[in-house]
Amino acid sequence: MHAALVARPCSCIRRLAESRAREIQFTRFLRNGSVTATEMAAHAAERTAARAAGRDVVVIQDTSELALGGRRAKANGYGPVGKGGALRGLLLHAVLAVDAGTSGVLGLVDAKVWNRRGGKAKPRRSRKTPQKESQRWLDGTMRAGEVLTAADSITGVSDRESDIYEHFARRPSNVHLIVRACQNRKIETAGADQMHLLFSHVDSLPEQGRLEVKIPAAPRRKARVTKLAVRFSRVMLCKPLHGAAPDLPATIALTMVDVRETSTPQDGKPIHWRLLTTHAVTTLGEARRIVDLYRMRWTIEEFFHTLKTAGFDIEAADIGDPQVMIKFVAAATVAAVTVMQLVKARDGTTGQSLADAFEPADQPILEAVSMQLEGKTARQKNPHPKGSLAFAGWVIGRLGGWTGYYGKPGPRVMREGLDDFQRIKYGTTLSLQHV
């Protein structure tokens, strides 16, 4: 099923299977009570652990809501209807491992898929963290520490929703964190007995320098080069008065790195990131390193885009059983990593081998197709070494309609290219059967 999802990314099991027998096989697999989304994620994590050995790894996690099948009725079994009649749907929390040096996607560390049920919850402050959905951030970080033990270093990166005191207090000893601050917490400042607020303290700091960075294009935003003013300081976060477990420390020592754009762009708000990290930061170069690692968080946005509109179109799936749908989402999540690996490897900077995403038997087919696709000019020739994932990425991109001249192949092009490659591969098997 994984091979089929990678070869022909889609959300329709009938199209995925291509035959009645295979369709029944996939359906029985997903309905088997012994098959679980947790086990799929654990198997993917084993492969990721092998790829991450000896590397500096950035672990990125985030949550995305899936509005499935366009359904908006309580009767569909996916959970209650929210305000305005909008279906809450399934939620996917993905944890990805990325090479800190090359930005190559190493694989999935963990994935949780669940159906948010109805019912009135207790007030947030009266619930402990394990009783809240926010526990997923702590679980993702803990899982990274367990899976990636052979990595040289691990840095977890996440957005504002993960700014939880317990997230910092309970992190594994082998995992550092970079979290975009959301809470204007009370802090203890050096040499002062009184309490201060985090944001006002950082705002009062002098500039330590400026960084020039390139901001990539995004929906409703053009790419631009801009300058960021940088401030950083060691801070002592105070334990919250409400909701924190009694055994948590009274304070936690962290570093705040504050970066803000010095000019206002024409097509959006200026950048302002307040980044809390367990890494020590004493120089402008170390601050830039924190900013660069945090910017890798965009990879998981691309990942969700691949799983949804640009690749698998998972929200168009029309599976009536919620438990079957949870398993199918988990399977597609594992397969979407392969498409992301091709997208990231297209420039030849990740150093990944063909075996990270393809079977050994695929290499001669890819090489033969590459020879057919290459033109006379340098830009129409595959510039990457055979046996590399970049070589395959070039081939799949060209099959998907990329000419080699304009832009770079994205998830949608890679998805269409994989579809064409599967047809070619199937054709070679038919030819061999008649030899």
Protein backbone atom coordinates (compact mmCIF):
# COMPACT_ATOMS: atom_id res chain seq x y z
CA MET A 1 0.00 0.00 0.00
CA HIS A 2 2.89 2.33 0.79
CA ALA A 3 4.43 1.64 -2.62
CA ALA A 4 1.10 2.40 -4.30
CA LEU A 5 0.67 5.66 -2.37
CA VAL A 6 4.16 6.81 -3.32
CA ALA A 7 3.80 5.77 -6.94
CA ARG A 8 0.34 7.26 -7.40
CA PRO A 9 -0.40 9.83 -4.66
CA CYS A 10 -4.15 10.19 -4.32
CA SER A 11 -7.02 9.82 -1.85
CA CYS A 12 -9.13 7.32 -3.81
CA ILE A 13 -8.45 3.69 -2.83
CA ARG A 14 -10.02 2.40 -6.06
CA ARG A 15 -7.67 4.48 -8.21
CA LEU A 16 -4.77 3.69 -5.89
CA ALA A 17 -5.35 -0.05 -6.22
CA GLU A 18 -5.89 -0.13 -10.03
CA SER A 19 -7.59 -3.54 -9.78
CA ARG A 20 -10.55 -5.04 -7.94
CA ALA A 21 -8.36 -7.60 -6.17
CA ARG A 22 -5.91 -4.96 -4.94
CA GLU A 23 -8.81 -2.73 -3.85
CA ILE A 24 -10.21 -5.54 -1.69
CA GLN A 25 -6.72 -6.19 -0.33
CA PHE A 26 -6.21 -2.56 0.70
CA THR A 27 -9.70 -2.32 2.20
CA ARG A 28 -9.23 -5.45 4.29
CA PHE A 29 -5.85 -4.17 5.45
CA LEU A 30 -7.32 -0.88 6.65
CA ARG A 31 -10.25 -2.61 8.35
CA ASN A 32 -8.03 -5.12 10.15
CA GLY A 33 -8.19 -4.47 13.88
CA SER A 34 -4.50 -5.39 14.27
CA VAL A 35 -3.47 -2.56 11.93
CA THR A 36 -3.01 0.75 13.74
CA ALA A 37 -1.90 4.26 12.84
CA THR A 38 0.51 4.12 15.79
CA GLU A 39 2.29 1.07 14.40
CA MET A 40 2.60 2.67 10.94
CA ALA A 41 4.24 5.73 12.48
CA ALA A 42 6.55 3.58 14.61
CA HIS A 43 7.75 1.62 11.57
CA ALA A 44 8.44 4.86 9.67
CA ALA A 45 10.35 6.17 12.71
CA GLU A 46 12.67 3.15 12.63
CA ARG A 47 13.75 4.04 9.08
CA THR A 48 14.16 7.69 10.03
CA ALA A 49 16.40 6.76 12.96
CA ALA A 50 18.81 4.94 10.61
CA ARG A 51 19.01 7.95 8.26
CA ALA A 52 19.54 10.39 11.16
CA ALA A 53 22.53 8.57 12.66
CA GLY A 54 25.57 10.84 12.95
CA ARG A 55 23.70 13.95 11.76
CA ASP A 56 22.64 17.23 13.32
CA VAL A 57 18.85 16.93 13.17
CA VAL A 58 16.05 19.48 13.37
CA VAL A 59 12.75 17.99 14.51
CA ILE A 60 9.75 20.02 13.33
CA GLN A 61 6.23 19.38 14.62
CA ASP A 62 2.86 20.92 13.96
CA THR A 63 -0.86 20.10 13.80
CA SER A 64 -3.23 20.38 10.84
CA GLU A 65 -6.98 19.90 10.69
CA LEU A 66 -8.43 17.75 7.92
CA ALA A 67 -11.94 18.61 6.69
CA LEU A 68 -12.69 15.31 5.02
CA GLY A 69 -14.78 14.59 1.98
CA GLY A 70 -16.35 18.05 2.06
CA ARG A 71 -18.79 16.69 4.65
CA ARG A 72 -20.49 19.06 7.02
CA ALA A 73 -23.03 16.87 8.83
CA LYS A 74 -22.92 15.25 12.23
CA ALA A 75 -24.28 12.02 10.77
CA ASN A 76 -21.03 11.22 8.96
CA GLY A 77 -19.44 9.88 12.14
CA TYR A 78 -16.39 12.14 12.16
CA GLY A 79 -17.43 14.10 15.22
CA PRO A 80 -19.71 16.93 16.17
CA VAL A 81 -20.56 19.98 14.18
CA GLY A 82 -18.87 23.14 15.44
CA LYS A 83 -19.94 26.76 15.24
CA GLY A 84 -21.50 27.77 11.98
CA GLY A 85 -22.03 24.13 10.97
CA ALA A 86 -18.34 23.52 10.26
CA LEU A 87 -17.15 19.95 10.80
CA ARG A 88 -14.28 19.62 13.26
CA GLY A 89 -12.91 16.65 11.31
CA LEU A 90 -9.73 14.72 12.01
CA LEU A 91 -6.54 16.26 13.31
CA LEU A 92 -3.02 15.21 12.31
CA HIS A 93 0.02 16.02 14.43
CA ALA A 94 3.18 15.26 12.44
CA VAL A 95 6.78 15.23 13.67
CA LEU A 96 9.40 15.44 10.90
CA ALA A 97 13.18 15.01 11.04
CA VAL A 98 15.23 17.32 8.79
CA ASP A 99 18.99 17.47 8.28
CA ALA A 100 20.16 20.73 9.88
CA GLY A 101 22.96 21.16 7.36
CA THR A 102 21.25 20.34 4.08
CA SER A 103 17.51 20.80 4.87
CA GLY A 104 16.92 17.31 3.45
CA VAL A 105 13.87 15.52 4.84
CA LEU A 106 15.08 12.44 6.74
CA GLY A 107 11.65 11.06 7.56
CA LEU A 108 8.81 10.82 10.01
CA VAL A 109 9.55 10.67 13.74
CA ASP A 110 5.93 10.40 14.88
CA ALA A 111 2.37 11.02 13.72
CA LYS A 112 -0.88 11.07 15.66
CA VAL A 113 -4.31 11.14 14.01
CA TRP A 114 -7.42 11.57 16.10
CA ASN A 115 -11.06 12.48 15.98
CA ARG A 116 -11.99 15.39 18.25
CA ARG A 117 -15.13 14.36 20.09
CA GLY A 118 -17.90 16.57 21.39
CA GLY A 119 -18.87 17.32 24.94
CA LYS A 120 -18.14 20.18 27.24
CA ALA A 121 -14.56 20.20 28.50
CA LYS A 122 -13.49 21.37 31.91
CA PRO A 123 -12.00 24.89 32.12
CA ARG A 124 -8.48 24.92 30.69
CA ARG A 125 -6.82 26.08 33.90
CA SER A 126 -8.37 23.25 35.90
CA ARG A 127 -6.97 20.57 33.59
CA LYS A 128 -3.46 19.14 33.78
CA THR A 129 -1.36 19.04 30.61
CA PRO A 130 -1.90 15.27 29.98
CA GLN A 131 -5.66 16.01 29.86
CA LYS A 132 -5.24 18.61 27.13
CA GLU A 133 -4.54 18.30 23.41
CA SER A 134 -1.38 20.34 24.06
CA GLN A 135 0.17 17.15 25.48
CA ARG A 136 0.98 16.28 21.84
CA TRP A 137 3.86 18.78 21.84
CA LEU A 138 5.49 17.11 24.84
CA ASP A 139 4.88 13.66 23.36
CA GLY A 140 6.44 14.67 20.02
CA THR A 141 9.57 16.00 21.72
CA MET A 142 9.82 12.94 23.97
CA ARG A 143 9.46 10.66 20.95
CA ALA A 144 12.25 12.52 19.13
CA GLY A 145 14.58 11.90 22.06
CA GLU A 146 13.71 8.19 22.00
CA VAL A 147 13.94 7.64 18.23
CA LEU A 148 16.97 9.74 17.30
CA THR A 149 19.45 8.51 19.89
CA ALA A 150 22.13 7.95 17.22
CA ALA A 151 21.96 11.57 15.96
CA ASP A 152 24.82 13.94 16.79
CA SER A 153 22.37 16.60 17.99
CA ILE A 154 18.60 17.15 18.09
CA THR A 155 16.83 20.52 18.06
CA GLY A 156 13.05 20.61 18.25
CA VAL A 157 11.37 23.51 16.42
CA SER A 158 7.74 24.48 16.82
CA ASP A 159 5.40 27.46 16.63
CA ARG A 160 3.54 29.49 19.25
CA GLU A 161 1.02 26.85 20.21
CA SER A 162 3.83 24.79 21.77
CA ASP A 163 4.90 27.60 24.12
CA ILE A 164 4.12 25.55 27.22
CA TYR A 165 6.15 25.80 30.44
CA GLU A 166 6.05 22.04 30.89
CA HIS A 167 7.35 21.57 27.33
CA PHE A 168 10.64 23.15 28.38
CA ALA A 169 10.70 21.62 31.85
CA ARG A 170 10.17 18.01 30.70
CA ARG A 171 12.24 17.97 27.51
CA PRO A 172 14.60 14.98 27.18
CA SER A 173 18.23 15.71 28.03
CA ASN A 174 19.32 14.98 24.43
CA VAL A 175 16.87 17.44 22.83
CA HIS A 176 17.21 21.23 22.59
CA LEU A 177 14.18 23.40 21.80
CA ILE A 178 13.41 26.49 19.73
CA VAL A 179 9.85 27.69 20.31
CA ARG A 180 8.20 30.87 19.07
CA ALA A 181 6.98 32.61 22.21
CA CYS A 182 3.25 33.16 22.67
CA GLN A 183 2.91 33.79 26.40
CA ASN A 184 4.08 37.09 27.89
CA ARG A 185 5.37 35.28 30.96
CA LYS A 186 6.74 36.59 34.21
CA ILE A 187 10.52 36.42 34.41
CA GLU A 188 13.25 36.98 36.95
CA THR A 189 15.93 39.35 35.68
CA ALA A 190 19.56 39.17 36.73
CA GLY A 191 20.42 41.36 39.70
CA ALA A 192 16.78 42.26 40.45
CA ASP A 193 14.39 40.98 43.08
CA GLN A 194 11.24 42.12 41.31
CA MET A 195 9.35 40.37 38.51
CA HIS A 196 9.21 41.62 34.93
CA LEU A 197 7.26 40.58 31.86
CA LEU A 198 9.13 38.77 29.11
CA PHE A 199 8.10 40.87 26.10
CA SER A 200 8.70 44.28 27.69
CA HIS A 201 12.08 43.10 28.94
CA VAL A 202 13.18 42.03 25.46
CA ASP A 203 11.79 45.18 23.85
CA SER A 204 13.99 47.25 26.16
CA LEU A 205 17.20 45.52 25.10
CA PRO A 206 19.66 47.25 22.74
CA GLU A 207 20.12 45.91 19.21
CA GLN A 208 22.95 43.37 18.98
CA GLY A 209 23.21 43.66 15.20
CA ARG A 210 21.33 43.07 11.95
CA LEU A 211 20.93 40.09 9.66
CA GLU A 212 20.18 40.09 5.94
CA VAL A 213 17.87 37.22 5.00
CA LYS A 214 15.88 36.08 1.99
CA ILE A 215 12.17 35.55 2.70
CA PRO A 216 10.76 32.96 0.27
CA ALA A 217 7.53 33.47 -1.61
CA ALA A 218 4.29 32.32 0.04
CA PRO A 219 0.57 32.70 -0.70
CA ARG A 220 -0.14 36.42 -1.19
CA ARG A 221 3.54 37.23 -0.55
CA LYS A 222 6.40 37.76 -2.98
CA ALA A 223 9.96 36.66 -2.20
CA ARG A 224 12.10 39.46 -0.82
CA VAL A 225 15.47 40.20 0.75
CA THR A 226 15.18 42.07 4.02
CA LYS A 227 17.09 43.00 7.17
CA LEU A 228 16.26 41.82 10.68
CA ALA A 229 17.23 43.64 13.85
CA VAL A 230 18.44 41.15 16.47
CA ARG A 231 18.23 41.23 20.26
CA PHE A 232 18.98 38.37 22.63
CA SER A 233 19.14 37.81 26.36
CA ARG A 234 19.28 35.04 28.95
CA VAL A 235 15.95 34.91 30.84
CA MET A 236 14.51 33.00 33.81
CA LEU A 237 10.91 32.00 33.14
CA CYS A 238 8.71 31.76 36.24
CA LYS A 239 6.39 28.82 36.76
CA PRO A 240 2.75 29.68 35.92
CA LEU A 241 0.37 30.15 38.82
CA HIS A 242 -2.35 28.00 37.25
CA GLY A 243 -2.29 24.61 35.55
CA ALA A 244 1.38 23.72 36.10
CA ALA A 245 2.21 20.40 37.77
CA PRO A 246 3.48 20.70 41.36
CA ASP A 247 6.75 18.91 40.58
CA LEU A 248 7.85 21.43 37.93
CA PRO A 249 10.78 23.73 38.81
CA ALA A 250 9.99 27.26 40.01
CA THR A 251 12.06 28.78 37.19
CA ILE A 252 13.64 27.66 33.90
CA ALA A 253 16.70 29.30 32.35
CA LEU A 254 16.29 29.96 28.61
CA THR A 255 17.54 32.38 25.97
CA MET A 256 15.23 34.76 24.11
CA VAL A 257 16.25 35.67 20.55
CA ASP A 258 14.14 38.55 19.21
CA VAL A 259 14.23 39.38 15.48
CA ARG A 260 12.11 42.00 13.76
CA GLU A 261 12.08 43.37 10.24
CA THR A 262 13.43 46.90 9.99
CA SER A 263 11.07 47.99 7.19
CA THR A 264 7.43 47.37 6.34
CA PRO A 265 6.90 45.17 3.26
CA GLN A 266 4.33 46.12 0.64
CA ASP A 267 2.46 42.80 0.70
CA GLY A 268 2.24 41.77 4.34
CA LYS A 269 3.16 42.38 7.93
CA PRO A 270 6.80 42.83 8.93
CA ILE A 271 8.45 39.81 10.52
CA HIS A 272 8.68 39.74 14.31
CA TRP A 273 9.76 36.50 15.95
CA ARG A 274 10.37 36.04 19.65
CA LEU A 275 12.20 32.73 19.90
CA LEU A 276 12.74 30.94 23.20
CA THR A 277 15.56 28.39 23.08
CA THR A 278 17.49 26.08 25.35
CA HIS A 279 20.61 26.73 23.24
CA ALA A 280 23.13 29.21 24.62
CA VAL A 281 23.35 32.42 22.56
CA THR A 282 26.14 34.88 23.28
CA THR A 283 27.06 36.19 19.82
CA LEU A 284 25.29 37.49 16.71
CA GLY A 285 26.47 34.40 14.82
CA GLU A 286 24.85 32.10 17.37
CA ALA A 287 21.65 34.15 17.17
CA ARG A 288 21.64 33.75 13.38
CA ARG A 289 21.98 30.01 13.83
CA ILE A 290 18.82 29.98 15.96
CA VAL A 291 16.94 32.03 13.35
CA ASP A 292 18.11 29.75 10.52
CA LEU A 293 17.01 26.62 12.39
CA TYR A 294 13.62 28.15 13.18
CA ARG A 295 13.11 29.06 9.52
CA MET A 296 13.27 25.33 8.69
CA ARG A 297 9.82 25.12 10.29
CA TRP A 298 8.40 26.05 6.87
CA THR A 299 9.19 22.46 5.80
CA ILE A 300 6.21 21.13 7.73
CA GLU A 301 3.91 23.68 6.08
CA GLU A 302 5.10 22.33 2.72
CA PHE A 303 4.50 18.83 4.04
CA PHE A 304 0.86 19.54 4.91
CA HIS A 305 0.45 21.26 1.52
CA THR A 306 1.74 18.07 -0.11
CA LEU A 307 -0.66 15.91 1.88
CA LYS A 308 -3.58 18.15 1.00
CA THR A 309 -4.02 20.23 -2.17
CA ALA A 310 -0.62 19.85 -3.86
CA GLY A 311 -0.22 16.10 -3.64
CA PHE A 312 -2.46 13.48 -2.09
CA ASP A 313 -5.64 15.57 -1.84
CA ILE A 314 -6.32 13.69 1.38
CA GLU A 315 -9.30 15.89 2.29
CA ALA A 316 -11.17 14.56 -0.75
CA ALA A 317 -11.13 11.02 0.64
CA ASP A 318 -14.62 9.58 1.01
CA ILE A 319 -14.24 6.82 3.59
CA GLY A 320 -17.24 6.44 5.88
CA ASP A 321 -15.60 4.63 8.81
CA PRO A 322 -13.64 7.07 11.04
CA GLN A 323 -11.19 4.39 12.22
CA VAL A 324 -10.43 3.31 8.66
CA MET A 325 -9.95 6.94 7.69
CA ILE A 326 -7.51 7.47 10.56
CA LYS A 327 -5.41 4.56 9.29
CA PHE A 328 -5.55 5.80 5.71
CA VAL A 329 -4.42 9.29 6.78
CA ALA A 330 -1.51 7.71 8.68
CA ALA A 331 -0.49 5.68 5.62
CA ALA A 332 -0.67 8.76 3.37
CA THR A 333 1.35 10.74 5.92
CA VAL A 334 4.18 8.21 5.73
CA ALA A 335 4.05 8.21 1.92
CA ALA A 336 3.98 12.03 1.70
CA VAL A 337 7.48 12.05 3.19
CA THR A 338 8.79 10.48 -0.04
CA VAL A 339 7.29 13.26 -2.17
CA MET A 340 8.80 15.85 0.19
CA GLN A 341 12.18 14.14 -0.06
CA LEU A 342 12.07 14.51 -3.85
CA VAL A 343 11.11 18.19 -3.59
CA LYS A 344 13.94 18.94 -1.17
CA ALA A 345 16.48 16.84 -3.08
CA ARG A 346 15.83 18.49 -6.46
CA ASP A 347 18.81 20.89 -6.10
CA GLY A 348 21.29 18.17 -5.14
CA THR A 349 22.09 19.75 -1.79
CA THR A 350 20.72 17.07 0.56
CA GLY A 351 23.25 14.34 -0.28
CA GLN A 352 20.58 11.63 -0.08
CA SER A 353 20.76 8.35 -1.97
CA LEU A 354 18.16 6.86 -4.28
CA ALA A 355 17.45 4.16 -1.68
CA ASP A 356 15.83 6.73 0.61
CA ALA A 357 12.76 6.81 -1.62
CA PHE A 358 13.02 4.15 -4.35
CA GLU A 359 13.55 0.42 -4.73
CA PRO A 360 16.88 -0.88 -6.17
CA ALA A 361 15.05 -2.13 -9.28
CA ASP A 362 13.92 1.43 -10.03
CA GLN A 363 17.44 2.74 -10.70
CA PRO A 364 17.96 1.33 -14.23
CA ILE A 365 14.49 2.53 -15.23
CA LEU A 366 15.21 6.03 -13.92
CA GLU A 367 18.53 6.11 -15.77
CA ALA A 368 16.91 4.96 -19.02
CA VAL A 369 14.14 7.57 -18.69
CA SER A 370 16.72 10.26 -17.90
CA MET A 371 18.54 9.53 -21.17
CA GLN A 372 15.28 9.89 -23.09
CA LEU A 373 14.39 13.18 -21.39
CA GLU A 374 17.75 14.89 -21.72
CA GLY A 375 18.12 17.52 -24.45
CA LYS A 376 21.10 19.15 -26.13
CA THR A 377 21.58 22.14 -23.84
CA ALA A 378 23.24 21.98 -20.42
CA ARG A 379 20.01 22.92 -18.64
CA GLN A 380 18.24 20.04 -20.34
CA LYS A 381 20.68 17.43 -18.99
CA ASN A 382 20.46 15.70 -15.63
CA PRO A 383 23.27 17.36 -13.60
CA HIS A 384 23.15 14.96 -10.66
CA PRO A 385 25.12 11.72 -10.08
CA LYS A 386 23.41 8.41 -10.77
CA GLY A 387 22.19 6.67 -7.63
CA SER A 388 21.37 9.95 -5.90
CA LEU A 389 17.90 11.10 -4.88
CA ALA A 390 18.58 14.35 -6.74
CA PHE A 391 19.02 12.34 -9.97
CA ALA A 392 15.61 10.76 -9.43
CA GLY A 393 14.10 14.14 -8.49
CA TRP A 394 15.23 15.59 -11.83
CA VAL A 395 13.65 12.67 -13.72
CA ILE A 396 10.38 12.77 -11.80
CA GLY A 397 10.18 16.56 -12.18
CA ARG A 398 10.64 16.33 -15.94
CA LEU A 399 8.01 13.58 -16.19
CA GLY A 400 5.66 15.85 -14.24
CA GLY A 401 5.98 18.62 -16.84
CA TRP A 402 8.95 20.66 -15.59
CA THR A 403 11.08 21.86 -18.50
CA GLY A 404 14.27 22.53 -16.59
CA TYR A 405 14.10 26.25 -17.40
CA TYR A 406 11.43 27.95 -15.30
CA GLY A 407 11.25 27.70 -11.53
CA LYS A 408 11.62 24.42 -9.68
CA PRO A 409 9.32 21.38 -9.53
CA GLY A 410 7.04 21.46 -6.48
CA PRO A 411 4.86 18.82 -4.79
CA ARG A 412 2.16 18.86 -7.49
CA VAL A 413 4.67 18.36 -10.32
CA MET A 414 6.43 15.60 -8.36
CA ARG A 415 3.09 13.89 -7.74
CA GLU A 416 2.24 13.91 -11.46
CA GLY A 417 5.76 12.77 -12.32
CA LEU A 418 5.53 9.84 -9.91
CA ASP A 419 2.23 8.88 -11.53
CA ASP A 420 3.88 8.81 -14.98
CA PHE A 421 6.90 6.92 -13.63
CA GLN A 422 4.59 4.24 -12.24
CA ARG A 423 3.05 3.75 -15.70
CA ILE A 424 6.51 3.44 -17.25
CA LYS A 425 7.58 0.97 -14.57
CA TYR A 426 4.43 -1.07 -15.13
CA GLY A 427 5.14 -1.07 -18.86
CA THR A 428 8.61 -2.52 -18.29
CA THR A 429 7.12 -5.39 -16.27
CA LEU A 430 4.70 -6.18 -19.14
CA SER A 431 7.57 -6.17 -21.61
CA LEU A 432 9.61 -8.56 -19.48
CA GLN A 433 6.67 -10.95 -19.19
CA HIS A 434 6.58 -11.33 -22.99
CA VAL A 435 10.34 -11.79 -23.48
